[in-house]
Amino acid sequence: MADDCDVAQALDERIRAEMIAAARAQIEGEGTDDCEDCGAPIGAARRAALPSASRCVDCQERRERRKEFR
């Protein structure tokens, strides 16, 4: 049975691979312009600043705040 560290590492690697794939798709013009959490459009300014963004500013801020309190 895998220990918690192995499971966490595998999850981190999978998430990282998904983020890289999404970033590549967005750069190549194949990604979505909608937030993966709420479905709202990702603003042009955010897209220009971070082409690989998969969340709108509001959802990303909420996600980061949740991580701070864990």
N, C-alpha and C. Protein backbone atom coordinates (compact mmCIF):
# COMPACT_ATOMS: atom_id res chain seq x y z
N MET A 1 0.84 -1.18 0.00
CA MET A 1 0.00 0.00 0.00
C MET A 1 0.88 1.25 0.00
N ALA A 2 0.55 2.20 -0.86
CA ALA A 2 1.34 3.43 -0.97
C ALA A 2 1.11 4.30 0.26
N ASP A 3 2.19 4.96 0.68
CA ASP A 3 2.01 5.87 1.82
C ASP A 3 1.49 7.22 1.33
N ASP A 4 1.12 8.07 2.27
CA ASP A 4 0.52 9.37 1.94
C ASP A 4 1.43 10.23 1.08
N CYS A 5 2.74 10.17 1.31
CA CYS A 5 3.67 10.97 0.52
C CYS A 5 3.66 10.55 -0.95
N ASP A 6 3.61 9.24 -1.19
CA ASP A 6 3.57 8.75 -2.57
C ASP A 6 2.29 9.18 -3.27
N VAL A 7 1.18 9.11 -2.56
CA VAL A 7 -0.10 9.51 -3.13
C VAL A 7 -0.10 11.00 -3.44
N ALA A 8 0.40 11.81 -2.49
CA ALA A 8 0.45 13.26 -2.69
C ALA A 8 1.37 13.60 -3.86
N GLN A 9 2.50 12.93 -3.96
CA GLN A 9 3.43 13.19 -5.06
C GLN A 9 2.80 12.83 -6.40
N ALA A 10 2.12 11.72 -6.47
CA ALA A 10 1.46 11.31 -7.72
C ALA A 10 0.39 12.31 -8.10
N LEU A 11 -0.36 12.79 -7.13
CA LEU A 11 -1.39 13.79 -7.41
C LEU A 11 -0.76 15.09 -7.90
N ASP A 12 0.30 15.53 -7.24
CA ASP A 12 1.00 16.74 -7.67
C ASP A 12 1.51 16.61 -9.10
N GLU A 13 2.07 15.46 -9.44
CA GLU A 13 2.58 15.24 -10.79
C GLU A 13 1.45 15.27 -11.81
N ARG A 14 0.33 14.65 -11.47
CA ARG A 14 -0.82 14.64 -12.40
C ARG A 14 -1.35 16.05 -12.61
N ILE A 15 -1.49 16.79 -11.53
CA ILE A 15 -1.98 18.17 -11.63
C ILE A 15 -1.02 19.01 -12.46
N ARG A 16 0.26 18.86 -12.21
CA ARG A 16 1.28 19.61 -12.97
C ARG A 16 1.18 19.27 -14.46
N ALA A 17 1.02 18.00 -14.79
CA ALA A 17 0.91 17.60 -16.19
C ALA A 17 -0.34 18.19 -16.84
N GLU A 18 -1.45 18.21 -16.09
CA GLU A 18 -2.69 18.79 -16.61
C GLU A 18 -2.53 20.30 -16.84
N MET A 19 -1.84 20.96 -15.92
CA MET A 19 -1.63 22.40 -16.06
C MET A 19 -0.75 22.72 -17.27
N ILE A 20 0.27 21.91 -17.48
CA ILE A 20 1.16 22.10 -18.63
C ILE A 20 0.38 21.88 -19.93
N ALA A 21 -0.43 20.84 -19.97
CA ALA A 21 -1.23 20.56 -21.17
C ALA A 21 -2.20 21.70 -21.44
N ALA A 22 -2.84 22.21 -20.39
CA ALA A 22 -3.78 23.33 -20.56
C ALA A 22 -3.07 24.58 -21.04
N ALA A 23 -1.90 24.84 -20.49
CA ALA A 23 -1.12 26.01 -20.90
C ALA A 23 -0.71 25.91 -22.36
N ARG A 24 -0.25 24.75 -22.76
CA ARG A 24 0.13 24.56 -24.16
C ARG A 24 -1.06 24.75 -25.09
N ALA A 25 -2.19 24.20 -24.71
CA ALA A 25 -3.39 24.34 -25.53
C ALA A 25 -3.79 25.81 -25.65
N GLN A 26 -3.72 26.53 -24.54
CA GLN A 26 -4.09 27.94 -24.56
C GLN A 26 -3.13 28.74 -25.43
N ILE A 27 -1.85 28.50 -25.30
CA ILE A 27 -0.85 29.21 -26.10
C ILE A 27 -1.06 28.93 -27.59
N GLU A 28 -1.42 27.70 -27.91
CA GLU A 28 -1.65 27.31 -29.29
C GLU A 28 -3.05 27.69 -29.78
N GLY A 29 -3.81 28.36 -28.93
CA GLY A 29 -5.13 28.82 -29.33
C GLY A 29 -6.21 27.76 -29.24
N GLU A 30 -5.93 26.67 -28.54
CA GLU A 30 -6.89 25.58 -28.44
C GLU A 30 -7.58 25.53 -27.08
N GLY A 31 -7.15 26.35 -26.16
CA GLY A 31 -7.71 26.32 -24.81
C GLY A 31 -9.03 27.06 -24.74
N THR A 32 -9.60 27.02 -23.58
CA THR A 32 -10.86 27.70 -23.36
C THR A 32 -10.63 29.09 -22.79
N ASP A 33 -11.54 29.99 -23.03
CA ASP A 33 -11.46 31.32 -22.47
C ASP A 33 -12.34 31.45 -21.25
N ASP A 34 -12.91 30.33 -20.79
CA ASP A 34 -13.81 30.35 -19.65
C ASP A 34 -13.16 29.73 -18.43
N CYS A 35 -13.50 30.24 -17.27
CA CYS A 35 -12.98 29.77 -15.99
C CYS A 35 -13.40 28.32 -15.76
N GLU A 36 -12.47 27.50 -15.34
CA GLU A 36 -12.79 26.09 -15.10
C GLU A 36 -13.63 25.89 -13.85
N ASP A 37 -13.68 26.89 -12.97
CA ASP A 37 -14.47 26.76 -11.75
C ASP A 37 -15.90 27.29 -11.93
N CYS A 38 -16.03 28.52 -12.42
CA CYS A 38 -17.36 29.14 -12.47
C CYS A 38 -17.93 29.26 -13.88
N GLY A 39 -17.09 29.08 -14.90
CA GLY A 39 -17.56 29.16 -16.28
C GLY A 39 -17.61 30.56 -16.85
N ALA A 40 -17.28 31.57 -16.04
CA ALA A 40 -17.27 32.95 -16.52
C ALA A 40 -16.06 33.16 -17.44
N PRO A 41 -16.16 34.13 -18.35
CA PRO A 41 -15.02 34.40 -19.22
C PRO A 41 -13.81 34.86 -18.41
N ILE A 42 -12.63 34.40 -18.83
CA ILE A 42 -11.38 34.87 -18.23
C ILE A 42 -11.06 36.17 -18.95
N GLY A 43 -10.89 37.23 -18.20
CA GLY A 43 -10.68 38.55 -18.77
C GLY A 43 -9.46 38.65 -19.67
N ALA A 44 -9.54 39.55 -20.63
CA ALA A 44 -8.46 39.73 -21.60
C ALA A 44 -7.16 40.14 -20.92
N ALA A 45 -7.25 40.99 -19.89
CA ALA A 45 -6.04 41.44 -19.19
C ALA A 45 -5.37 40.25 -18.49
N ARG A 46 -6.18 39.40 -17.87
CA ARG A 46 -5.61 38.22 -17.20
C ARG A 46 -5.02 37.27 -18.23
N ARG A 47 -5.72 37.08 -19.32
CA ARG A 47 -5.23 36.19 -20.38
C ARG A 47 -3.91 36.71 -20.95
N ALA A 48 -3.81 38.04 -21.11
CA ALA A 48 -2.57 38.62 -21.65
C ALA A 48 -1.42 38.47 -20.65
N ALA A 49 -1.73 38.64 -19.36
CA ALA A 49 -0.70 38.55 -18.33
C ALA A 49 -0.29 37.11 -18.06
N LEU A 50 -1.25 36.20 -18.15
CA LEU A 50 -1.00 34.80 -17.84
C LEU A 50 -1.77 33.93 -18.83
N PRO A 51 -1.20 33.70 -20.01
CA PRO A 51 -1.92 32.96 -21.05
C PRO A 51 -2.40 31.57 -20.62
N SER A 52 -1.73 30.99 -19.66
CA SER A 52 -2.11 29.64 -19.22
C SER A 52 -3.19 29.64 -18.14
N ALA A 53 -3.69 30.81 -17.76
CA ALA A 53 -4.70 30.88 -16.70
C ALA A 53 -5.91 30.04 -17.06
N SER A 54 -6.36 29.27 -16.09
CA SER A 54 -7.55 28.44 -16.32
C SER A 54 -8.71 28.88 -15.42
N ARG A 55 -8.46 29.89 -14.61
CA ARG A 55 -9.48 30.43 -13.71
C ARG A 55 -9.54 31.94 -13.83
N CYS A 56 -10.72 32.49 -13.60
CA CYS A 56 -10.86 33.94 -13.56
C CYS A 56 -10.18 34.45 -12.29
N VAL A 57 -9.97 35.74 -12.21
CA VAL A 57 -9.27 36.34 -11.07
C VAL A 57 -9.99 35.99 -9.76
N ASP A 58 -11.31 36.15 -9.73
CA ASP A 58 -12.06 35.90 -8.49
C ASP A 58 -11.89 34.45 -8.01
N CYS A 59 -12.03 33.50 -8.91
CA CYS A 59 -11.91 32.10 -8.51
C CYS A 59 -10.48 31.77 -8.09
N GLN A 60 -9.50 32.32 -8.77
CA GLN A 60 -8.11 32.07 -8.40
C GLN A 60 -7.81 32.64 -7.02
N GLU A 61 -8.32 33.83 -6.74
CA GLU A 61 -8.11 34.44 -5.42
C GLU A 61 -8.77 33.59 -4.33
N ARG A 62 -9.98 33.11 -4.58
CA ARG A 62 -10.66 32.25 -3.60
C ARG A 62 -9.85 30.99 -3.34
N ARG A 63 -9.33 30.41 -4.41
CA ARG A 63 -8.53 29.18 -4.29
C ARG A 63 -7.28 29.43 -3.47
N GLU A 64 -6.62 30.55 -3.72
CA GLU A 64 -5.40 30.86 -2.98
C GLU A 64 -5.70 31.15 -1.51
N ARG A 65 -6.81 31.81 -1.22
CA ARG A 65 -7.18 32.08 0.18
C ARG A 65 -7.45 30.78 0.92
N ARG A 66 -8.12 29.83 0.26
CA ARG A 66 -8.39 28.54 0.90
C ARG A 66 -7.09 27.82 1.26
N LYS A 67 -6.10 27.89 0.38
CA LYS A 67 -4.82 27.23 0.63
C LYS A 67 -4.11 27.87 1.82
N GLU A 68 -4.24 29.17 1.99
CA GLU A 68 -3.57 29.87 3.08
C GLU A 68 -4.07 29.40 4.43
N PHE A 69 -5.32 29.01 4.50
CA PHE A 69 -5.93 28.66 5.78
C PHE A 69 -5.92 27.16 6.06
N ARG A 70 -5.25 26.40 5.28
CA ARG A 70 -5.17 24.95 5.51
C ARG A 70 -4.03 24.63 6.42
